[in-house]
Amino acid sequence: QRNKFCDTTKPIVMAYDRVKIFEDAKSAIEKNKLFFIEDVLAFVPCAKSTFYEFFPVESEESDVLKELLGKNKTVIVDRMIKLDPSLTIKLNGFDITNDWKQ
């Protein structure tokens, strides 16, 4: 049965603005102090598959986003270590405390 509100015989085509998505991702990282690329996906107006299609892991844009995420991690870890120098911080199963204290 055909939907009276839309023509279901035609494929739905979504047009994404790649530049806007990249700018939204950068803004979300900076504004929300995000650490992980998966967190960024909640703030951009496209599907995960589209995001990775636009910005493959080895792309220049992906490197920019990773750098911004890394800066946020550094700031937080530095603050935590200043609050408690004896703190041991594990990230993805690795003890990163000694690397930061050096």
Protein backbone atom coordinates (compact mmCIF):
# COMPACT_ATOMS: atom_id res chain seq x y z
CA GLN A 1 0.00 0.00 0.00
CA ARG A 2 1.26 3.42 -0.92
CA ASN A 3 1.76 6.09 1.70
CA LYS A 4 -0.36 9.12 0.87
CA PHE A 5 2.18 11.51 2.43
CA CYS A 6 5.25 10.53 0.45
CA ASP A 7 6.17 8.70 -2.70
CA THR A 8 7.70 5.44 -1.48
CA THR A 9 8.52 4.32 -5.00
CA LYS A 10 11.49 6.71 -5.15
CA PRO A 11 14.67 6.13 -3.14
CA ILE A 12 15.39 8.56 -0.34
CA VAL A 13 18.55 10.52 -1.01
CA MET A 14 20.21 12.34 1.87
CA ALA A 15 22.54 15.15 0.95
CA TYR A 16 25.15 15.80 3.61
CA ASP A 17 27.36 18.87 3.79
CA ARG A 18 30.79 17.36 4.41
CA VAL A 19 32.33 20.68 5.49
CA LYS A 20 29.51 21.41 7.94
CA ILE A 21 29.81 17.94 9.47
CA PHE A 22 33.56 18.44 9.93
CA GLU A 23 33.02 21.86 11.52
CA ASP A 24 30.26 20.43 13.75
CA ALA A 25 32.61 17.66 14.85
CA LYS A 26 35.40 20.10 15.73
CA SER A 27 32.99 22.35 17.58
CA ALA A 28 31.51 19.43 19.54
CA ILE A 29 34.98 18.24 20.59
CA GLU A 30 36.01 21.67 21.82
CA LYS A 31 32.70 22.68 23.42
CA ASN A 32 31.95 19.35 25.14
CA LYS A 33 35.55 18.31 25.96
CA LEU A 34 35.11 14.97 24.19
CA PHE A 35 37.76 12.23 24.37
CA PHE A 36 36.66 9.62 21.84
CA ILE A 37 35.63 9.75 18.20
CA GLU A 38 32.58 7.61 19.04
CA ASP A 39 31.37 10.43 21.30
CA VAL A 40 31.63 12.88 18.40
CA LEU A 41 29.14 10.83 16.39
CA ALA A 42 26.36 11.83 18.80
CA PHE A 43 26.88 15.47 17.84
CA VAL A 44 27.04 15.28 14.05
CA PRO A 45 24.02 15.12 11.74
CA CYS A 46 24.90 11.93 9.89
CA ALA A 47 25.18 8.19 10.35
CA LYS A 48 28.37 6.58 11.65
CA SER A 49 28.98 4.97 8.25
CA THR A 50 28.66 8.33 6.48
CA PHE A 51 31.03 9.96 8.97
CA TYR A 52 33.71 7.31 8.36
CA GLU A 53 33.11 7.47 4.62
CA PHE A 54 33.70 11.24 4.68
CA PHE A 55 36.63 11.07 7.12
CA PRO A 56 38.51 7.75 6.84
CA VAL A 57 40.86 6.88 9.69
CA GLU A 58 43.98 7.93 7.76
CA SER A 59 42.52 11.17 6.33
CA GLU A 60 43.82 14.63 7.11
CA GLU A 61 40.48 15.59 8.67
CA SER A 62 40.53 12.52 10.90
CA ASP A 63 44.01 13.47 12.08
CA VAL A 64 42.75 16.97 13.00
CA LEU A 65 39.88 15.48 15.01
CA LYS A 66 42.21 13.01 16.76
CA GLU A 67 44.55 15.86 17.68
CA LEU A 68 41.68 17.83 19.24
CA LEU A 69 40.52 14.76 21.15
CA GLY A 70 44.08 14.16 22.35
CA LYS A 71 44.36 17.72 23.66
CA ASN A 72 41.22 17.21 25.74
CA LYS A 73 42.63 13.99 27.19
CA THR A 74 45.89 15.72 28.07
CA VAL A 75 44.16 18.60 29.85
CA ILE A 76 41.99 16.29 31.94
CA VAL A 77 44.80 13.90 32.85
CA ASP A 78 47.05 16.83 33.82
CA ARG A 79 44.33 18.21 36.09
CA MET A 80 43.74 14.83 37.70
CA ILE A 81 47.43 14.26 38.39
CA LYS A 82 47.77 17.76 39.90
CA LEU A 83 44.88 17.00 42.24
CA ASP A 84 46.35 13.66 43.30
CA PRO A 85 49.95 12.93 42.23
CA SER A 86 49.67 9.34 43.47
CA LEU A 87 46.81 8.71 41.06
CA THR A 88 47.06 5.82 38.61
CA ILE A 89 45.12 6.40 35.44
CA LYS A 90 44.21 3.62 33.08
CA LEU A 91 42.99 4.34 29.58
CA ASN A 92 41.89 1.47 27.37
CA GLY A 93 43.52 -0.95 29.79
CA PHE A 94 46.93 0.78 29.78
CA ASP A 95 48.47 2.64 32.71
CA ILE A 96 49.15 6.07 31.25
CA THR A 97 50.09 7.82 34.49
CA ASN A 98 53.85 7.39 34.19
CA ASP A 99 53.90 8.74 30.64
CA TRP A 100 52.16 11.91 31.80
CA LYS A 101 54.31 12.40 34.90
CA GLN A 102 57.56 12.32 32.91
